[in-house]
Amino acid sequence: MPLDEANAPRSRPKILVMDDDHVMRELLKLHLCNNGYQVLVAEDAVVAGHLVVEKRPDLIIADVEMPYMNGYEFVAALKNDPTTKDIPVIFLTTEEHVADRAKKLGAVAYFNKPVVADRLIELVALFAAR
């Protein structure tokens, strides 16, 4: 017997974490997975770009300071592509003055390092499709 839509199982939202710091990627992955999210990880914008195209994440957490292409450049490219412009982005940064630039680029939020796991999960829950 088919399930009605109200009782159909929902897929877990996919979150892409882009950070060049291996420990940070793994910590974020752990916290997000423990809170029911599917997590994709990328150590740079090149890997992240491939994952965006192949896996279509529901939300991206992007570190600002990255090799090759920084988080700002990555998000600018993402927002200029009609197929990816609507993916919400949260910047992760140690920079003090990121709010104006993040807003101008179309990010939904930013989060300063060091990460407070509970606050990050609250922020992700606001923007990840469930």
N, C-alpha and C. Protein backbone atom coordinates (compact mmCIF):
# COMPACT_ATOMS: atom_id res chain seq x y z
N MET A 1 0.84 -1.16 0.00
CA MET A 1 0.00 0.00 0.00
C MET A 1 0.90 1.24 0.00
N PRO A 2 0.62 2.23 -0.88
CA PRO A 2 1.46 3.42 -0.93
C PRO A 2 1.24 4.31 0.30
N LEU A 3 2.30 4.98 0.67
CA LEU A 3 2.23 5.94 1.77
C LEU A 3 1.68 7.26 1.25
N ASP A 4 0.89 7.93 2.06
CA ASP A 4 0.51 9.28 1.64
C ASP A 4 1.68 10.21 1.93
N GLU A 5 1.67 11.38 1.30
CA GLU A 5 2.81 12.28 1.42
C GLU A 5 3.08 12.72 2.85
N ALA A 6 2.04 12.85 3.64
CA ALA A 6 2.22 13.29 5.02
C ALA A 6 3.02 12.29 5.85
N ASN A 7 2.94 11.01 5.48
CA ASN A 7 3.64 9.97 6.23
C ASN A 7 4.90 9.47 5.51
N ALA A 8 5.18 10.03 4.34
CA ALA A 8 6.35 9.58 3.58
C ALA A 8 7.62 10.00 4.31
N PRO A 9 8.62 9.12 4.34
CA PRO A 9 9.87 9.50 4.99
C PRO A 9 10.54 10.64 4.23
N ARG A 10 11.08 11.58 4.96
CA ARG A 10 11.77 12.71 4.35
C ARG A 10 13.27 12.40 4.29
N SER A 11 13.88 12.87 3.22
CA SER A 11 15.32 12.68 3.14
C SER A 11 15.99 13.73 4.02
N ARG A 12 17.14 13.36 4.53
CA ARG A 12 17.89 14.27 5.39
C ARG A 12 18.53 15.36 4.53
N PRO A 13 18.48 16.61 4.95
CA PRO A 13 19.12 17.68 4.18
C PRO A 13 20.62 17.44 4.04
N LYS A 14 21.14 17.82 2.87
CA LYS A 14 22.57 17.69 2.59
C LYS A 14 23.27 19.02 2.83
N ILE A 15 24.30 18.97 3.65
CA ILE A 15 25.08 20.15 3.96
C ILE A 15 26.49 19.95 3.41
N LEU A 16 26.97 20.91 2.64
CA LEU A 16 28.35 20.89 2.16
C LEU A 16 29.19 21.78 3.07
N VAL A 17 30.24 21.22 3.63
CA VAL A 17 31.18 21.95 4.47
C VAL A 17 32.47 22.12 3.68
N MET A 18 32.84 23.38 3.42
CA MET A 18 34.05 23.69 2.68
C MET A 18 35.02 24.41 3.63
N ASP A 19 36.07 23.71 4.01
CA ASP A 19 37.08 24.30 4.91
C ASP A 19 38.40 23.60 4.63
N ASP A 20 39.49 24.36 4.57
CA ASP A 20 40.79 23.77 4.29
C ASP A 20 41.41 23.11 5.51
N ASP A 21 40.85 23.32 6.68
CA ASP A 21 41.35 22.72 7.91
C ASP A 21 40.67 21.37 8.13
N HIS A 22 41.44 20.30 8.07
CA HIS A 22 40.90 18.94 8.19
C HIS A 22 40.15 18.73 9.51
N VAL A 23 40.72 19.20 10.60
CA VAL A 23 40.09 19.03 11.91
C VAL A 23 38.75 19.76 11.96
N MET A 24 38.70 20.97 11.43
CA MET A 24 37.45 21.74 11.41
C MET A 24 36.39 21.02 10.56
N ARG A 25 36.79 20.52 9.39
CA ARG A 25 35.83 19.79 8.54
C ARG A 25 35.25 18.60 9.29
N GLU A 26 36.11 17.83 9.96
CA GLU A 26 35.65 16.63 10.66
C GLU A 26 34.78 16.97 11.86
N LEU A 27 35.11 18.03 12.58
CA LEU A 27 34.28 18.45 13.72
C LEU A 27 32.89 18.90 13.25
N LEU A 28 32.87 19.69 12.21
CA LEU A 28 31.59 20.14 11.68
C LEU A 28 30.77 18.96 11.16
N LYS A 29 31.45 18.05 10.47
CA LYS A 29 30.77 16.86 9.97
C LYS A 29 30.17 16.06 11.12
N LEU A 30 30.93 15.86 12.16
CA LEU A 30 30.45 15.11 13.32
C LEU A 30 29.22 15.76 13.93
N HIS A 31 29.29 17.07 14.19
CA HIS A 31 28.15 17.78 14.79
C HIS A 31 26.92 17.73 13.89
N LEU A 32 27.12 17.93 12.61
CA LEU A 32 25.99 17.93 11.69
C LEU A 32 25.38 16.54 11.53
N CYS A 33 26.22 15.53 11.39
CA CYS A 33 25.72 14.15 11.27
C CYS A 33 24.96 13.74 12.53
N ASN A 34 25.47 14.12 13.68
CA ASN A 34 24.80 13.79 14.94
C ASN A 34 23.45 14.48 15.09
N ASN A 35 23.21 15.49 14.26
CA ASN A 35 21.94 16.20 14.29
C ASN A 35 21.07 15.88 13.07
N GLY A 36 21.38 14.77 12.40
CA GLY A 36 20.50 14.26 11.35
C GLY A 36 20.75 14.76 9.95
N TYR A 37 21.85 15.42 9.71
CA TYR A 37 22.14 15.92 8.37
C TYR A 37 23.08 14.99 7.62
N GLN A 38 22.93 14.95 6.29
CA GLN A 38 23.91 14.32 5.43
C GLN A 38 25.01 15.37 5.24
N VAL A 39 26.25 14.96 5.28
CA VAL A 39 27.32 15.94 5.19
C VAL A 39 28.30 15.56 4.08
N LEU A 40 28.59 16.54 3.25
CA LEU A 40 29.62 16.44 2.23
C LEU A 40 30.74 17.36 2.67
N VAL A 41 31.99 16.97 2.45
CA VAL A 41 33.11 17.81 2.86
C VAL A 41 34.02 18.09 1.67
N ALA A 42 34.59 19.30 1.67
CA ALA A 42 35.51 19.70 0.62
C ALA A 42 36.62 20.52 1.25
N GLU A 43 37.85 20.23 0.83
CA GLU A 43 39.00 20.94 1.37
C GLU A 43 39.34 22.21 0.61
N ASP A 44 38.70 22.43 -0.54
CA ASP A 44 38.93 23.65 -1.30
C ASP A 44 37.74 23.88 -2.24
N ALA A 45 37.76 25.03 -2.91
CA ALA A 45 36.65 25.41 -3.78
C ALA A 45 36.52 24.51 -5.01
N VAL A 46 37.62 23.94 -5.46
CA VAL A 46 37.56 23.04 -6.62
C VAL A 46 36.73 21.80 -6.29
N VAL A 47 37.05 21.16 -5.18
CA VAL A 47 36.30 19.98 -4.74
C VAL A 47 34.86 20.38 -4.44
N ALA A 48 34.69 21.51 -3.77
CA ALA A 48 33.33 21.98 -3.43
C ALA A 48 32.50 22.23 -4.68
N GLY A 49 33.10 22.81 -5.69
CA GLY A 49 32.39 23.07 -6.94
C GLY A 49 31.89 21.80 -7.59
N HIS A 50 32.72 20.76 -7.59
CA HIS A 50 32.31 19.47 -8.15
C HIS A 50 31.15 18.88 -7.33
N LEU A 51 31.24 18.98 -6.01
CA LEU A 51 30.18 18.44 -5.16
C LEU A 51 28.87 19.19 -5.33
N VAL A 52 28.94 20.49 -5.52
CA VAL A 52 27.72 21.28 -5.75
C VAL A 52 27.02 20.80 -7.01
N VAL A 53 27.78 20.60 -8.07
CA VAL A 53 27.20 20.15 -9.34
C VAL A 53 26.67 18.73 -9.23
N GLU A 54 27.44 17.84 -8.62
CA GLU A 54 27.07 16.42 -8.56
C GLU A 54 26.00 16.09 -7.52
N LYS A 55 26.07 16.73 -6.35
CA LYS A 55 25.23 16.32 -5.22
C LYS A 55 24.12 17.30 -4.85
N ARG A 56 24.18 18.52 -5.35
CA ARG A 56 23.16 19.53 -5.07
C ARG A 56 22.84 19.68 -3.59
N PRO A 57 23.77 20.21 -2.80
CA PRO A 57 23.51 20.35 -1.36
C PRO A 57 22.36 21.33 -1.10
N ASP A 58 21.74 21.17 0.06
CA ASP A 58 20.65 22.05 0.48
C ASP A 58 21.18 23.31 1.15
N LEU A 59 22.42 23.26 1.61
CA LEU A 59 23.06 24.37 2.31
C LEU A 59 24.57 24.20 2.20
N ILE A 60 25.28 25.33 2.12
CA ILE A 60 26.74 25.30 2.08
C ILE A 60 27.28 26.12 3.25
N ILE A 61 28.22 25.53 3.97
CA ILE A 61 28.98 26.26 4.99
C ILE A 61 30.37 26.45 4.39
N ALA A 62 30.74 27.70 4.14
CA ALA A 62 31.98 27.99 3.42
C ALA A 62 32.94 28.82 4.27
N ASP A 63 34.12 28.28 4.47
CA ASP A 63 35.18 29.04 5.13
C ASP A 63 35.58 30.17 4.20
N VAL A 64 35.91 31.32 4.76
CA VAL A 64 36.30 32.46 3.94
C VAL A 64 37.75 32.32 3.46
N GLU A 65 38.64 31.96 4.34
CA GLU A 65 40.07 31.88 4.00
C GLU A 65 40.40 30.49 3.48
N MET A 66 40.54 30.40 2.16
CA MET A 66 40.76 29.12 1.49
C MET A 66 41.88 29.27 0.45
N PRO A 67 42.56 28.16 0.13
CA PRO A 67 43.56 28.21 -0.95
C PRO A 67 42.87 28.24 -2.32
N TYR A 68 43.59 28.68 -3.33
CA TYR A 68 43.16 28.72 -4.73
C TYR A 68 42.08 29.76 -4.97
N MET A 69 40.93 29.59 -4.32
CA MET A 69 39.79 30.50 -4.46
C MET A 69 39.20 30.66 -3.07
N ASN A 70 39.13 31.89 -2.58
CA ASN A 70 38.60 32.06 -1.23
C ASN A 70 37.08 31.88 -1.20
N GLY A 71 36.53 31.86 -0.01
CA GLY A 71 35.10 31.65 0.13
C GLY A 71 34.26 32.71 -0.55
N TYR A 72 34.72 33.96 -0.51
CA TYR A 72 34.00 35.04 -1.18
C TYR A 72 33.92 34.80 -2.69
N GLU A 73 35.05 34.44 -3.28
CA GLU A 73 35.09 34.18 -4.72
C GLU A 73 34.21 32.99 -5.08
N PHE A 74 34.26 31.95 -4.25
CA PHE A 74 33.45 30.75 -4.49
C PHE A 74 31.96 31.10 -4.46
N VAL A 75 31.55 31.84 -3.45
CA VAL A 75 30.13 32.20 -3.33
C VAL A 75 29.70 33.15 -4.44
N ALA A 76 30.56 34.05 -4.84
CA ALA A 76 30.24 34.94 -5.96
C ALA A 76 29.97 34.13 -7.22
N ALA A 77 30.82 33.14 -7.49
CA ALA A 77 30.61 32.27 -8.66
C ALA A 77 29.32 31.47 -8.52
N LEU A 78 29.07 30.96 -7.34
CA LEU A 78 27.86 30.18 -7.07
C LEU A 78 26.62 31.02 -7.33
N LYS A 79 26.61 32.24 -6.84
CA LYS A 79 25.44 33.12 -6.96
C LYS A 79 25.26 33.67 -8.36
N ASN A 80 26.31 33.62 -9.19
CA ASN A 80 26.19 34.06 -10.58
C ASN A 80 25.69 32.97 -11.51
N ASP A 81 25.55 31.76 -11.02
CA ASP A 81 25.08 30.64 -11.83
C ASP A 81 23.60 30.41 -11.51
N PRO A 82 22.73 30.50 -12.51
CA PRO A 82 21.29 30.34 -12.26
C PRO A 82 20.92 28.98 -11.65
N THR A 83 21.74 27.96 -11.87
CA THR A 83 21.40 26.64 -11.33
C THR A 83 21.80 26.47 -9.88
N THR A 84 22.65 27.35 -9.35
CA THR A 84 23.12 27.21 -7.97
C THR A 84 22.86 28.46 -7.12
N LYS A 85 22.33 29.51 -7.70
CA LYS A 85 22.20 30.79 -7.00
C LYS A 85 21.29 30.74 -5.78
N ASP A 86 20.38 29.78 -5.74
CA ASP A 86 19.43 29.71 -4.63
C ASP A 86 19.88 28.82 -3.47
N ILE A 87 21.06 28.23 -3.57
CA ILE A 87 21.56 27.41 -2.46
C ILE A 87 22.00 28.36 -1.35
N PRO A 88 21.42 28.24 -0.15
CA PRO A 88 21.83 29.12 0.93
C PRO A 88 23.27 28.85 1.36
N VAL A 89 23.97 29.93 1.73
CA VAL A 89 25.37 29.83 2.15
C VAL A 89 25.54 30.51 3.50
N ILE A 90 26.25 29.83 4.38
CA ILE A 90 26.68 30.41 5.65
C ILE A 90 28.20 30.50 5.60
N PHE A 91 28.74 31.70 5.79
CA PHE A 91 30.18 31.86 5.84
C PHE A 91 30.68 31.48 7.23
N LEU A 92 31.83 30.86 7.26
CA LEU A 92 32.52 30.50 8.49
C LEU A 92 33.86 31.24 8.43
N THR A 93 34.16 32.02 9.47
CA THR A 93 35.33 32.88 9.36
C THR A 93 35.96 33.25 10.70
N THR A 94 37.20 33.67 10.62
CA THR A 94 37.87 34.29 11.77
C THR A 94 37.93 35.80 11.58
N GLU A 95 37.50 36.27 10.41
CA GLU A 95 37.52 37.71 10.11
C GLU A 95 36.51 38.45 10.98
N GLU A 96 36.85 39.66 11.34
CA GLU A 96 36.00 40.48 12.20
C GLU A 96 34.85 41.15 11.43
N HIS A 97 35.14 41.67 10.26
CA HIS A 97 34.17 42.49 9.55
C HIS A 97 33.71 41.80 8.26
N VAL A 98 32.88 40.80 8.42
CA VAL A 98 32.43 40.02 7.28
C VAL A 98 30.96 40.28 6.93
N ALA A 99 30.21 40.86 7.82
CA ALA A 99 28.75 40.98 7.66
C ALA A 99 28.34 41.67 6.37
N ASP A 100 28.91 42.84 6.09
CA ASP A 100 28.51 43.58 4.89
C ASP A 100 28.84 42.82 3.61
N ARG A 101 30.04 42.29 3.56
CA ARG A 101 30.46 41.56 2.36
C ARG A 101 29.64 40.28 2.18
N ALA A 102 29.38 39.58 3.26
CA ALA A 102 28.57 38.36 3.19
C ALA A 102 27.17 38.67 2.67
N LYS A 103 26.58 39.72 3.19
CA LYS A 103 25.23 40.10 2.76
C LYS A 103 25.22 40.50 1.29
N LYS A 104 26.22 41.28 0.88
CA LYS A 104 26.32 41.73 -0.51
C LYS A 104 26.45 40.55 -1.47
N LEU A 105 27.13 39.49 -1.04
CA LEU A 105 27.31 38.32 -1.89
C LEU A 105 26.10 37.38 -1.87
N GLY A 106 25.16 37.62 -0.98
CA GLY A 106 23.96 36.79 -0.95
C GLY A 106 23.99 35.66 0.06
N ALA A 107 24.96 35.70 0.99
CA ALA A 107 24.98 34.68 2.05
C ALA A 107 23.82 34.92 2.99
N VAL A 108 23.28 33.84 3.57
CA VAL A 108 22.16 33.97 4.49
C VAL A 108 22.63 34.30 5.91
N ALA A 109 23.90 34.00 6.21
CA ALA A 109 24.43 34.23 7.55
C ALA A 109 25.93 34.05 7.53
N TYR A 110 26.56 34.40 8.65
CA TYR A 110 27.97 34.09 8.85
C TYR A 110 28.14 33.66 10.29
N PHE A 111 29.21 32.93 10.53
CA PHE A 111 29.48 32.39 11.86
C PHE A 111 30.97 32.55 12.12
N ASN A 112 31.31 33.12 13.26
CA ASN A 112 32.72 33.30 13.60
C ASN A 112 33.30 32.07 14.28
N LYS A 113 34.55 31.79 13.94
CA LYS A 113 35.31 30.75 14.63
C LYS A 113 35.83 31.36 15.91
N PRO A 114 35.99 30.66 16.97
CA PRO A 114 35.73 29.23 17.12
C PRO A 114 34.23 28.94 17.12
N VAL A 115 33.89 27.78 16.61
CA VAL A 115 32.51 27.38 16.44
C VAL A 115 31.92 26.88 17.76
N VAL A 116 30.75 27.40 18.08
CA VAL A 116 29.95 26.88 19.19
C VAL A 116 28.93 25.95 18.54
N ALA A 117 29.09 24.65 18.75
CA ALA A 117 28.32 23.64 18.01
C ALA A 117 26.82 23.85 18.10
N ASP A 118 26.29 24.09 19.29
CA ASP A 118 24.84 24.24 19.43
C ASP A 118 24.32 25.43 18.65
N ARG A 119 25.06 26.52 18.67
CA ARG A 119 24.63 27.72 17.93
C ARG A 119 24.70 27.48 16.43
N LEU A 120 25.72 26.78 15.96
CA LEU A 120 25.83 26.47 14.54
C LEU A 120 24.66 25.59 14.10
N ILE A 121 24.32 24.59 14.89
CA ILE A 121 23.20 23.71 14.56
C ILE A 121 21.90 24.50 14.48
N GLU A 122 21.70 25.44 15.40
CA GLU A 122 20.51 26.29 15.35
C GLU A 122 20.46 27.10 14.05
N LEU A 123 21.61 27.64 13.66
CA LEU A 123 21.71 28.43 12.45
C LEU A 123 21.46 27.59 11.20
N VAL A 124 22.05 26.40 11.18
CA VAL A 124 21.85 25.49 10.05
C VAL A 124 20.37 25.10 9.93
N ALA A 125 19.74 24.84 11.05
CA ALA A 125 18.32 24.43 11.05
C ALA A 125 17.43 25.52 10.45
N LEU A 126 17.82 26.77 10.58
CA LEU A 126 17.03 27.87 10.03
C LEU A 126 17.02 27.87 8.50
N PHE A 127 18.10 27.40 7.90
CA PHE A 127 18.26 27.53 6.47
C PHE A 127 18.32 26.24 5.67
N ALA A 128 18.50 25.12 6.32
CA ALA A 128 18.54 23.84 5.59
C ALA A 128 17.12 23.33 5.40
N ALA A 129 16.82 22.94 4.19
CA ALA A 129 15.48 22.41 3.90
C ALA A 129 15.26 21.11 4.64
N ARG A 130 14.15 20.99 5.27
CA ARG A 130 13.80 19.76 5.99
C ARG A 130 12.58 19.15 5.39
